[in-house]
Amino acid sequence: GRSEHAIAGSESGLRQNVLPPLDDAARAIIDEVM
């Protein structure tokens, strides 16, 4: 009976020394943490 929905994480892993794009999951994490 919850109204929330899951967020899709990235389909791709990180690459060494490459800044990944700020996707919806990471943005939501930052918003909650901060």
PDB file of all heavy atoms in Angstrom:
ATOM      1  N   GLY A   1       0.784  -1.222   0.000  1.00  0.00           N
ATOM      2  CA  GLY A   1       0.000   0.000   0.000  1.00  0.00           C
ATOM      3  C   GLY A   1       0.817   1.274   0.000  1.00  0.00           C
ATOM      4  O   GLY A   1       0.313   2.336   0.403  1.00  0.00           O
ATOM      5  N   ARG A   2       2.041   1.181  -0.465  1.00  0.00           N
ATOM      6  CA  ARG A   2       2.909   2.357  -0.502  1.00  0.00           C
ATOM      7  C   ARG A   2       2.746   3.070  -1.836  1.00  0.00           C
ATOM      8  O   ARG A   2       2.555   2.451  -2.884  1.00  0.00           O
ATOM      9  CB  ARG A   2       4.372   1.958  -0.314  1.00  0.00           C
ATOM     10  CG  ARG A   2       4.656   1.169   0.954  1.00  0.00           C
ATOM     11  CD  ARG A   2       4.703   2.052   2.168  1.00  0.00           C
ATOM     12  NE  ARG A   2       5.865   2.914   2.149  1.00  0.00           N
ATOM     13  CZ  ARG A   2       6.772   2.981   3.123  1.00  0.00           C
ATOM     14  NH1 ARG A   2       6.647   2.215   4.195  1.00  0.00           N
ATOM     15  NH2 ARG A   2       7.794   3.813   3.044  1.00  0.00           N
ATOM     16  N   SER A   3       2.872   4.383  -1.802  1.00  0.00           N
ATOM     17  CA  SER A   3       2.709   5.180  -3.024  1.00  0.00           C
ATOM     18  C   SER A   3       4.028   5.474  -3.720  1.00  0.00           C
ATOM     19  O   SER A   3       4.037   5.938  -4.863  1.00  0.00           O
ATOM     20  CB  SER A   3       2.017   6.506  -2.684  1.00  0.00           C
ATOM     21  OG  SER A   3       2.799   7.257  -1.763  1.00  0.00           O
ATOM     22  N   GLU A   4       5.163   5.193  -3.055  1.00  0.00           N
ATOM     23  CA  GLU A   4       6.455   5.482  -3.666  1.00  0.00           C
ATOM     24  C   GLU A   4       6.741   4.531  -4.834  1.00  0.00           C
ATOM     25  O   GLU A   4       6.139   3.468  -4.944  1.00  0.00           O
ATOM     26  CB  GLU A   4       7.595   5.338  -2.646  1.00  0.00           C
ATOM     27  CG  GLU A   4       7.438   6.172  -1.406  1.00  0.00           C
ATOM     28  CD  GLU A   4       6.868   5.367  -0.242  1.00  0.00           C
ATOM     29  OE1 GLU A   4       5.908   4.600  -0.468  1.00  0.00           O
ATOM     30  OE2 GLU A   4       7.377   5.518   0.874  1.00  0.00           O
ATOM     31  N   HIS A   5       7.684   4.946  -5.657  1.00  0.00           N
ATOM     32  CA  HIS A   5       8.147   4.111  -6.758  1.00  0.00           C
ATOM     33  C   HIS A   5       9.666   4.006  -6.717  1.00  0.00           C
ATOM     34  O   HIS A   5      10.356   4.944  -6.287  1.00  0.00           O
ATOM     35  CB  HIS A   5       7.713   4.688  -8.109  1.00  0.00           C
ATOM     36  CG  HIS A   5       6.234   4.633  -8.330  1.00  0.00           C
ATOM     37  ND1 HIS A   5       5.583   3.493  -8.722  1.00  0.00           N
ATOM     38  CD2 HIS A   5       5.285   5.598  -8.198  1.00  0.00           C
ATOM     39  CE1 HIS A   5       4.293   3.736  -8.827  1.00  0.00           C
ATOM     40  NE2 HIS A   5       4.082   5.008  -8.509  1.00  0.00           N
ATOM     41  N   ALA A   6      10.172   2.862  -7.152  1.00  0.00           N
ATOM     42  CA  ALA A   6      11.616   2.670  -7.220  1.00  0.00           C
ATOM     43  C   ALA A   6      12.218   3.538  -8.326  1.00  0.00           C
ATOM     44  O   ALA A   6      11.547   3.900  -9.299  1.00  0.00           O
ATOM     45  CB  ALA A   6      11.942   1.204  -7.466  1.00  0.00           C
ATOM     46  N   ILE A   7      13.487   3.862  -8.152  1.00  0.00           N
ATOM     47  CA  ILE A   7      14.245   4.644  -9.125  1.00  0.00           C
ATOM     48  C   ILE A   7      15.220   3.719  -9.840  1.00  0.00           C
ATOM     49  O   ILE A   7      15.870   2.882  -9.202  1.00  0.00           O
ATOM     50  CB  ILE A   7      15.023   5.780  -8.432  1.00  0.00           C
ATOM     51  CG1 ILE A   7      14.074   6.698  -7.660  1.00  0.00           C
ATOM     52  CG2 ILE A   7      15.841   6.585  -9.437  1.00  0.00           C
ATOM     53  CD1 ILE A   7      14.793   7.706  -6.774  1.00  0.00           C
ATOM     54  N   ALA A   8      15.341   3.861 -11.129  1.00  0.00           N
ATOM     55  CA  ALA A   8      16.281   3.043 -11.898  1.00  0.00           C
ATOM     56  C   ALA A   8      17.699   3.560 -11.710  1.00  0.00           C
ATOM     57  O   ALA A   8      17.970   4.748 -11.897  1.00  0.00           O
ATOM     58  CB  ALA A   8      15.911   3.064 -13.379  1.00  0.00           C
ATOM     59  N   GLY A   9      18.602   2.663 -11.331  1.00  0.00           N
ATOM     60  CA  GLY A   9      20.015   2.998 -11.284  1.00  0.00           C
ATOM     61  C   GLY A   9      20.629   2.915 -12.673  1.00  0.00           C
ATOM     62  O   GLY A   9      19.960   2.605 -13.662  1.00  0.00           O
ATOM     63  N   SER A  10      21.908   3.171 -12.725  1.00  0.00           N
ATOM     64  CA  SER A  10      22.613   3.161 -14.005  1.00  0.00           C
ATOM     65  C   SER A  10      22.714   1.752 -14.568  1.00  0.00           C
ATOM     66  O   SER A  10      22.869   0.778 -13.834  1.00  0.00           O
ATOM     67  CB  SER A  10      24.016   3.755 -13.833  1.00  0.00           C
ATOM     68  OG  SER A  10      24.755   3.649 -15.027  1.00  0.00           O
ATOM     69  N   GLU A  11      22.635   1.654 -15.881  1.00  0.00           N
ATOM     70  CA  GLU A  11      22.841   0.379 -16.569  1.00  0.00           C
ATOM     71  C   GLU A  11      24.330   0.072 -16.730  1.00  0.00           C
ATOM     72  O   GLU A  11      24.702  -1.061 -17.065  1.00  0.00           O
ATOM     73  CB  GLU A  11      22.197   0.422 -17.960  1.00  0.00           C
ATOM     74  CG  GLU A  11      20.695   0.632 -17.967  1.00  0.00           C
ATOM     75  CD  GLU A  11      19.916  -0.657 -17.845  1.00  0.00           C
ATOM     76  OE1 GLU A  11      20.563  -1.712 -17.706  1.00  0.00           O
ATOM     77  OE2 GLU A  11      18.677  -0.611 -17.872  1.00  0.00           O
ATOM     78  N   SER A  12      25.173   1.073 -16.502  1.00  0.00           N
ATOM     79  CA  SER A  12      26.611   0.924 -16.748  1.00  0.00           C
ATOM     80  C   SER A  12      27.400   1.205 -15.480  1.00  0.00           C
ATOM     81  O   SER A  12      27.028   2.062 -14.676  1.00  0.00           O
ATOM     82  CB  SER A  12      27.081   1.895 -17.843  1.00  0.00           C
ATOM     83  OG  SER A  12      26.346   1.708 -19.036  1.00  0.00           O
ATOM     84  N   GLY A  13      28.498   0.475 -15.317  1.00  0.00           N
ATOM     85  CA  GLY A  13      29.394   0.738 -14.213  1.00  0.00           C
ATOM     86  C   GLY A  13      30.278   1.946 -14.486  1.00  0.00           C
ATOM     87  O   GLY A  13      30.304   2.487 -15.598  1.00  0.00           O
ATOM     88  N   LEU A  14      30.989   2.378 -13.449  1.00  0.00           N
ATOM     89  CA  LEU A  14      31.894   3.520 -13.600  1.00  0.00           C
ATOM     90  C   LEU A  14      33.150   3.114 -14.356  1.00  0.00           C
ATOM     91  O   LEU A  14      33.549   1.941 -14.357  1.00  0.00           O
ATOM     92  CB  LEU A  14      32.285   4.063 -12.218  1.00  0.00           C
ATOM     93  CG  LEU A  14      31.378   5.135 -11.617  1.00  0.00           C
ATOM     94  CD1 LEU A  14      29.942   4.660 -11.492  1.00  0.00           C
ATOM     95  CD2 LEU A  14      31.907   5.581 -10.259  1.00  0.00           C
ATOM     96  N   ARG A  15      33.767   4.112 -14.983  1.00  0.00           N
ATOM     97  CA  ARG A  15      35.061   3.913 -15.629  1.00  0.00           C
ATOM     98  C   ARG A  15      36.123   4.665 -14.859  1.00  0.00           C
ATOM     99  O   ARG A  15      35.867   5.738 -14.306  1.00  0.00           O
ATOM    100  CB  ARG A  15      35.030   4.386 -17.080  1.00  0.00           C
ATOM    101  CG  ARG A  15      34.160   3.515 -17.987  1.00  0.00           C
ATOM    102  CD  ARG A  15      34.280   3.956 -19.429  1.00  0.00           C
ATOM    103  NE  ARG A  15      33.714   5.288 -19.645  1.00  0.00           N
ATOM    104  CZ  ARG A  15      34.021   6.083 -20.668  1.00  0.00           C
ATOM    105  NH1 ARG A  15      34.914   5.692 -21.560  1.00  0.00           N
ATOM    106  NH2 ARG A  15      33.436   7.261 -20.785  1.00  0.00           N
ATOM    107  N   GLN A  16      37.301   4.088 -14.808  1.00  0.00           N
ATOM    108  CA  GLN A  16      38.393   4.669 -14.033  1.00  0.00           C
ATOM    109  C   GLN A  16      38.681   6.094 -14.486  1.00  0.00           C
ATOM    110  O   GLN A  16      38.844   6.367 -15.678  1.00  0.00           O
ATOM    111  CB  GLN A  16      39.657   3.806 -14.193  1.00  0.00           C
ATOM    112  CG  GLN A  16      40.691   3.984 -13.110  1.00  0.00           C
ATOM    113  CD  GLN A  16      40.344   3.238 -11.839  1.00  0.00           C
ATOM    114  OE1 GLN A  16      39.759   2.173 -11.880  1.00  0.00           O
ATOM    115  NE2 GLN A  16      40.694   3.812 -10.705  1.00  0.00           N
ATOM    116  N   ASN A  17      38.717   7.045 -13.525  1.00  0.00           N
ATOM    117  CA  ASN A  17      39.082   8.447 -13.762  1.00  0.00           C
ATOM    118  C   ASN A  17      38.149   9.172 -14.736  1.00  0.00           C
ATOM    119  O   ASN A  17      38.556  10.141 -15.377  1.00  0.00           O
ATOM    120  CB  ASN A  17      40.530   8.536 -14.275  1.00  0.00           C
ATOM    121  CG  ASN A  17      41.522   7.932 -13.306  1.00  0.00           C
ATOM    122  OD1 ASN A  17      41.431   8.135 -12.102  1.00  0.00           O
ATOM    123  ND2 ASN A  17      42.477   7.177 -13.839  1.00  0.00           N
ATOM    124  N   VAL A  18      36.900   8.697 -14.836  1.00  0.00           N
ATOM    125  CA  VAL A  18      35.906   9.352 -15.690  1.00  0.00           C
ATOM    126  C   VAL A  18      34.714   9.737 -14.811  1.00  0.00           C
ATOM    127  O   VAL A  18      34.151   8.881 -14.118  1.00  0.00           O
ATOM    128  CB  VAL A  18      35.439   8.437 -16.842  1.00  0.00           C
ATOM    129  CG1 VAL A  18      34.323   9.105 -17.643  1.00  0.00           C
ATOM    130  CG2 VAL A  18      36.614   8.085 -17.745  1.00  0.00           C
ATOM    131  N   LEU A  19      34.338  11.007 -14.824  1.00  0.00           N
ATOM    132  CA  LEU A  19      33.194  11.458 -14.035  1.00  0.00           C
ATOM    133  C   LEU A  19      31.911  10.958 -14.696  1.00  0.00           C
ATOM    134  O   LEU A  19      31.612  11.314 -15.834  1.00  0.00           O
ATOM    135  CB  LEU A  19      33.176  12.984 -13.936  1.00  0.00           C
ATOM    136  CG  LEU A  19      32.022  13.578 -13.115  1.00  0.00           C
ATOM    137  CD1 LEU A  19      32.172  13.214 -11.644  1.00  0.00           C
ATOM    138  CD2 LEU A  19      31.975  15.107 -13.301  1.00  0.00           C
ATOM    139  N   PRO A  20      31.125  10.150 -13.989  1.00  0.00           N
ATOM    140  CA  PRO A  20      29.880   9.643 -14.586  1.00  0.00           C
ATOM    141  C   PRO A  20      28.827  10.743 -14.630  1.00  0.00           C
ATOM    142  O   PRO A  20      28.887  11.714 -13.858  1.00  0.00           O
ATOM    143  CB  PRO A  20      29.464   8.524 -13.629  1.00  0.00           C
ATOM    144  CG  PRO A  20      30.036   8.947 -12.313  1.00  0.00           C
ATOM    145  CD  PRO A  20      31.328   9.654 -12.620  1.00  0.00           C
ATOM    146  N   PRO A  21      27.844  10.623 -15.500  1.00  0.00           N
ATOM    147  CA  PRO A  21      26.759  11.608 -15.511  1.00  0.00           C
ATOM    148  C   PRO A  21      25.953  11.551 -14.222  1.00  0.00           C
ATOM    149  O   PRO A  21      25.846  10.496 -13.591  1.00  0.00           O
ATOM    150  CB  PRO A  21      25.920  11.202 -16.726  1.00  0.00           C
ATOM    151  CG  PRO A  21      26.255   9.766 -16.971  1.00  0.00           C
ATOM    152  CD  PRO A  21      27.675   9.593 -16.545  1.00  0.00           C
ATOM    153  N   LEU A  22      25.393  12.690 -13.857  1.00  0.00           N
ATOM    154  CA  LEU A  22      24.553  12.766 -12.664  1.00  0.00           C
ATOM    155  C   LEU A  22      23.152  12.282 -13.045  1.00  0.00           C
ATOM    156  O   LEU A  22      22.341  13.053 -13.563  1.00  0.00           O
ATOM    157  CB  LEU A  22      24.519  14.198 -12.126  1.00  0.00           C
ATOM    158  CG  LEU A  22      23.732  14.428 -10.836  1.00  0.00           C
ATOM    159  CD1 LEU A  22      24.338  13.642  -9.683  1.00  0.00           C
ATOM    160  CD2 LEU A  22      23.691  15.920 -10.496  1.00  0.00           C
ATOM    161  N   ASP A  23      22.875  11.013 -12.801  1.00  0.00           N
ATOM    162  CA  ASP A  23      21.590  10.451 -13.194  1.00  0.00           C
ATOM    163  C   ASP A  23      20.551  10.663 -12.097  1.00  0.00           C
ATOM    164  O   ASP A  23      20.828  11.242 -11.043  1.00  0.00           O
ATOM    165  CB  ASP A  23      21.739   8.969 -13.552  1.00  0.00           C
ATOM    166  CG  ASP A  23      22.284   8.127 -12.405  1.00  0.00           C
ATOM    167  OD1 ASP A  23      22.355   8.616 -11.255  1.00  0.00           O
ATOM    168  OD2 ASP A  23      22.639   6.956 -12.650  1.00  0.00           O
ATOM    169  N   ASP A  24      19.345  10.174 -12.337  1.00  0.00           N
ATOM    170  CA  ASP A  24      18.242  10.400 -11.395  1.00  0.00           C
ATOM    171  C   ASP A  24      18.528   9.796 -10.026  1.00  0.00           C
ATOM    172  O   ASP A  24      18.191  10.387  -8.991  1.00  0.00           O
ATOM    173  CB  ASP A  24      16.942   9.816 -11.951  1.00  0.00           C
ATOM    174  CG  ASP A  24      16.412  10.592 -13.144  1.00  0.00           C
ATOM    175  OD1 ASP A  24      16.846  11.742 -13.347  1.00  0.00           O
ATOM    176  OD2 ASP A  24      15.554  10.044 -13.874  1.00  0.00           O
ATOM    177  N   ALA A  25      19.119   8.610 -10.004  1.00  0.00           N
ATOM    178  CA  ALA A  25      19.383   7.952  -8.728  1.00  0.00           C
ATOM    179  C   ALA A  25      20.383   8.750  -7.900  1.00  0.00           C
ATOM    180  O   ALA A  25      20.167   9.006  -6.711  1.00  0.00           O
ATOM    181  CB  ALA A  25      19.896   6.534  -8.968  1.00  0.00           C
ATOM    182  N   ALA A  26      21.494   9.144  -8.515  1.00  0.00           N
ATOM    183  CA  ALA A  26      22.514   9.907  -7.785  1.00  0.00           C
ATOM    184  C   ALA A  26      21.977  11.260  -7.338  1.00  0.00           C
ATOM    185  O   ALA A  26      22.266  11.727  -6.231  1.00  0.00           O
ATOM    186  CB  ALA A  26      23.754  10.081  -8.654  1.00  0.00           C
ATOM    187  N   ARG A  27      21.184  11.889  -8.186  1.00  0.00           N
ATOM    188  CA  ARG A  27      20.600  13.190  -7.822  1.00  0.00           C
ATOM    189  C   ARG A  27      19.670  13.046  -6.615  1.00  0.00           C
ATOM    190  O   ARG A  27      19.690  13.867  -5.693  1.00  0.00           O
ATOM    191  CB  ARG A  27      19.855  13.785  -9.012  1.00  0.00           C
ATOM    192  CG  ARG A  27      19.322  15.197  -8.768  1.00  0.00           C
ATOM    193  CD  ARG A  27      18.622  15.761  -9.982  1.00  0.00           C
ATOM    194  NE  ARG A  27      19.564  16.017 -11.072  1.00  0.00           N
ATOM    195  CZ  ARG A  27      19.664  15.281 -12.175  1.00  0.00           C
ATOM    196  NH1 ARG A  27      18.871  14.228 -12.343  1.00  0.00           N
ATOM    197  NH2 ARG A  27      20.533  15.579 -13.106  1.00  0.00           N
ATOM    198  N   ALA A  28      18.874  11.992  -6.600  1.00  0.00           N
ATOM    199  CA  ALA A  28      17.964  11.762  -5.481  1.00  0.00           C
ATOM    200  C   ALA A  28      18.738  11.481  -4.189  1.00  0.00           C
ATOM    201  O   ALA A  28      18.345  11.921  -3.103  1.00  0.00           O
ATOM    202  CB  ALA A  28      17.022  10.607  -5.802  1.00  0.00           C
ATOM    203  N   ILE A  29      19.838  10.740  -4.307  1.00  0.00           N
ATOM    204  CA  ILE A  29      20.683  10.477  -3.142  1.00  0.00           C
ATOM    205  C   ILE A  29      21.217  11.780  -2.568  1.00  0.00           C
ATOM    206  O   ILE A  29      21.138  12.042  -1.354  1.00  0.00           O
ATOM    207  CB  ILE A  29      21.846   9.541  -3.517  1.00  0.00           C
ATOM    208  CG1 ILE A  29      21.327   8.143  -3.858  1.00  0.00           C
ATOM    209  CG2 ILE A  29      22.872   9.464  -2.378  1.00  0.00           C
ATOM    210  CD1 ILE A  29      22.344   7.270  -4.562  1.00  0.00           C
ATOM    211  N   ILE A  30      21.773  12.617  -3.421  1.00  0.00           N
ATOM    212  CA  ILE A  30      22.332  13.893  -2.958  1.00  0.00           C
ATOM    213  C   ILE A  30      21.263  14.747  -2.301  1.00  0.00           C
ATOM    214  O   ILE A  30      21.478  15.338  -1.225  1.00  0.00           O
ATOM    215  CB  ILE A  30      22.991  14.634  -4.136  1.00  0.00           C
ATOM    216  CG1 ILE A  30      24.231  13.862  -4.624  1.00  0.00           C
ATOM    217  CG2 ILE A  30      23.379  16.058  -3.723  1.00  0.00           C
ATOM    218  CD1 ILE A  30      24.807  14.388  -5.916  1.00  0.00           C
ATOM    219  N   ASP A  31      20.085  14.809  -2.899  1.00  0.00           N
ATOM    220  CA  ASP A  31      18.997  15.617  -2.331  1.00  0.00           C
ATOM    221  C   ASP A  31      18.628  15.136  -0.931  1.00  0.00           C
ATOM    222  O   ASP A  31      18.407  15.940  -0.022  1.00  0.00           O
ATOM    223  CB  ASP A  31      17.770  15.574  -3.242  1.00  0.00           C
ATOM    224  CG  ASP A  31      17.958  16.361  -4.535  1.00  0.00           C
ATOM    225  OD1 ASP A  31      18.920  17.154  -4.612  1.00  0.00           O
ATOM    226  OD2 ASP A  31      17.142  16.171  -5.459  1.00  0.00           O
ATOM    227  N   GLU A  32      18.563  13.826  -0.741  1.00  0.00           N
ATOM    228  CA  GLU A  32      18.200  13.294   0.577  1.00  0.00           C
ATOM    229  C   GLU A  32      19.321  13.503   1.590  1.00  0.00           C
ATOM    230  O   GLU A  32      19.085  13.899   2.740  1.00  0.00           O
ATOM    231  CB  GLU A  32      17.864  11.807   0.472  1.00  0.00           C
ATOM    232  CG  GLU A  32      17.466  11.152   1.789  1.00  0.00           C
ATOM    233  CD  GLU A  32      16.229  11.756   2.412  1.00  0.00           C
ATOM    234  OE1 GLU A  32      15.299  12.151   1.680  1.00  0.00           O
ATOM    235  OE2 GLU A  32      16.179  11.822   3.672  1.00  0.00           O
ATOM    236  N   VAL A  33      20.536  13.230   1.171  1.00  0.00           N
ATOM    237  CA  VAL A  33      21.671  13.336   2.087  1.00  0.00           C
ATOM    238  C   VAL A  33      21.886  14.779   2.551  1.00  0.00           C
ATOM    239  O   VAL A  33      22.213  15.022   3.722  1.00  0.00           O
ATOM    240  CB  VAL A  33      22.954  12.802   1.413  1.00  0.00           C
ATOM    241  CG1 VAL A  33      24.175  13.079   2.285  1.00  0.00           C
ATOM    242  CG2 VAL A  33      22.841  11.308   1.149  1.00  0.00           C
ATOM    243  N   MET A  34      21.686  15.715   1.669  1.00  0.00           N
ATOM    244  CA  MET A  34      22.004  17.105   1.977  1.00  0.00           C
ATOM    245  C   MET A  34      20.837  17.865   2.606  1.00  0.00           C
ATOM    246  O   MET A  34      20.920  19.086   2.786  1.00  0.00           O
ATOM    247  CB  MET A  34      22.475  17.824   0.702  1.00  0.00           C
ATOM    248  CG  MET A  34      23.704  17.203   0.049  1.00  0.00           C
ATOM    249  SD  MET A  34      25.115  17.016   1.175  1.00  0.00           S
ATOM    250  CE  MET A  34      25.481  18.746   1.530  1.00  0.00           C
TER     251      MET A  34
END
